[in-house]
Protein backbone atom coordinates (compact mmCIF):
# COMPACT_ATOMS: atom_id res chain seq x y z
CA MET A 1 -0.13 4.91 -16.70
CA ALA A 2 0.44 2.11 -14.23
CA ASN A 3 -2.59 1.29 -12.07
CA THR A 4 -1.23 -1.07 -9.43
CA VAL A 5 1.32 -0.29 -6.74
CA GLN A 6 3.65 -2.93 -8.15
CA ALA A 7 3.43 -1.50 -11.66
CA ARG A 8 4.13 2.02 -10.37
CA LYS A 9 7.19 0.78 -8.52
CA ARG A 10 8.45 -1.09 -11.61
CA ALA A 11 8.02 2.11 -13.65
CA ARG A 12 10.07 4.08 -11.09
CA GLN A 13 12.78 1.42 -11.06
CA ALA A 14 12.89 1.34 -14.86
CA ILE A 15 13.55 5.09 -14.96
CA GLN A 16 16.40 4.79 -12.46
CA ARG A 17 17.88 1.77 -14.22
CA ARG A 18 17.71 3.53 -17.60
CA ALA A 19 19.55 6.56 -16.20
CA HIS A 20 22.26 4.33 -14.74
CA ASN A 21 22.64 2.36 -17.96
CA MET A 22 22.86 5.58 -20.00
CA SER A 23 25.69 6.84 -17.80
CA LEU A 24 27.59 3.57 -18.22
CA ARG A 25 27.08 3.68 -21.99
CA SER A 26 28.37 7.26 -22.03
CA GLU A 27 31.44 6.18 -20.06
CA LEU A 28 32.02 3.45 -22.65
CA ARG A 29 31.79 5.88 -25.56
CA THR A 30 34.18 8.28 -23.84
CA ALA A 31 36.73 5.50 -23.27
CA ILE A 32 36.57 4.51 -26.94
CA LYS A 33 36.95 8.14 -28.04
CA LYS A 34 40.02 8.56 -25.82
CA VAL A 35 41.73 5.62 -27.53
CA ARG A 36 40.78 6.92 -31.00
CA LYS A 37 42.19 10.33 -30.10
CA ALA A 38 45.43 8.77 -28.83
CA VAL A 39 45.75 6.77 -32.05
CA ALA A 40 45.20 9.93 -34.09
CA THR A 41 48.16 11.61 -32.38
CA GLY A 42 50.43 8.79 -33.58
CA ASP A 43 52.06 8.05 -30.21
CA LYS A 44 51.91 4.28 -29.94
CA THR A 45 52.96 3.98 -26.27
CA ALA A 46 50.42 6.58 -25.15
CA ALA A 47 47.71 4.86 -27.21
CA GLN A 48 48.56 1.50 -25.64
CA ALA A 49 48.36 3.00 -22.14
CA VAL A 50 44.95 4.55 -22.82
CA PHE A 51 43.76 1.32 -24.44
CA LYS A 52 44.77 -0.68 -21.37
CA GLU A 53 42.62 1.59 -19.18
CA SER A 54 39.67 1.53 -21.57
CA GLN A 55 39.68 -2.27 -21.77
CA SER A 56 38.48 -2.50 -18.18
CA VAL A 57 35.67 -0.03 -18.90
CA ILE A 58 34.59 -2.01 -21.97
CA ASP A 59 34.65 -5.32 -20.10
CA SER A 60 32.81 -3.83 -17.13
CA VAL A 61 29.99 -2.54 -19.34
CA ALA A 62 29.77 -5.92 -21.09
CA ASP A 63 29.65 -7.79 -17.76
CA LYS A 64 26.68 -5.64 -16.73
CA LYS A 65 24.98 -6.55 -20.04
CA ILE A 66 24.75 -2.94 -21.19
CA ILE A 67 26.33 -4.12 -24.45
CA HIS A 68 26.74 -7.66 -25.71
CA LYS A 69 30.01 -9.45 -24.95
CA ASN A 70 30.70 -9.87 -28.67
CA ALA A 71 30.22 -6.13 -29.22
CA ALA A 72 32.75 -5.50 -26.46
CA ALA A 73 35.17 -7.93 -28.08
CA ARG A 74 34.66 -6.21 -31.44
CA HIS A 75 35.39 -2.78 -29.95
CA LYS A 76 38.56 -4.04 -28.28
CA SER A 77 39.69 -5.83 -31.42
CA ARG A 78 39.22 -2.78 -33.65
CA LEU A 79 40.94 -0.46 -31.19
CA SER A 80 43.83 -2.89 -30.88
CA ALA A 81 44.12 -3.13 -34.66
CA ALA A 82 44.15 0.67 -34.91
CA ILE A 83 46.99 0.84 -32.39
CA LYS A 84 48.98 -1.83 -34.25
CA SER A 85 48.60 0.09 -37.50
CA ILE A 86 50.50 3.11 -36.08
C-alpha cells in the first residue's frame, strides 16, 4: 500500500486511467467486430461503410497510445483486405 500522499494519489489516478483505457480498448474491439460481421454478410458496400466509421475509432485509440500505431495499421490493413476479398 502507498505510504505517501503523492503515492496514494498516483494509485487513485492509475485506477481511473486504467478504467478509461479499458473502455477505449473495448470500443476498439467492438468496431473491429462490426466490420468482421459486415464482411461475413457479404455486402461489400455495407462493409465499406462500417469500415470507414471504424477507421476513426482505430486511429483515435492509436493516437491515445492505447495500442501501438503499427497495430492500428495492421488492423486496418487486414480489415481492408477482408473487404476486398468479398
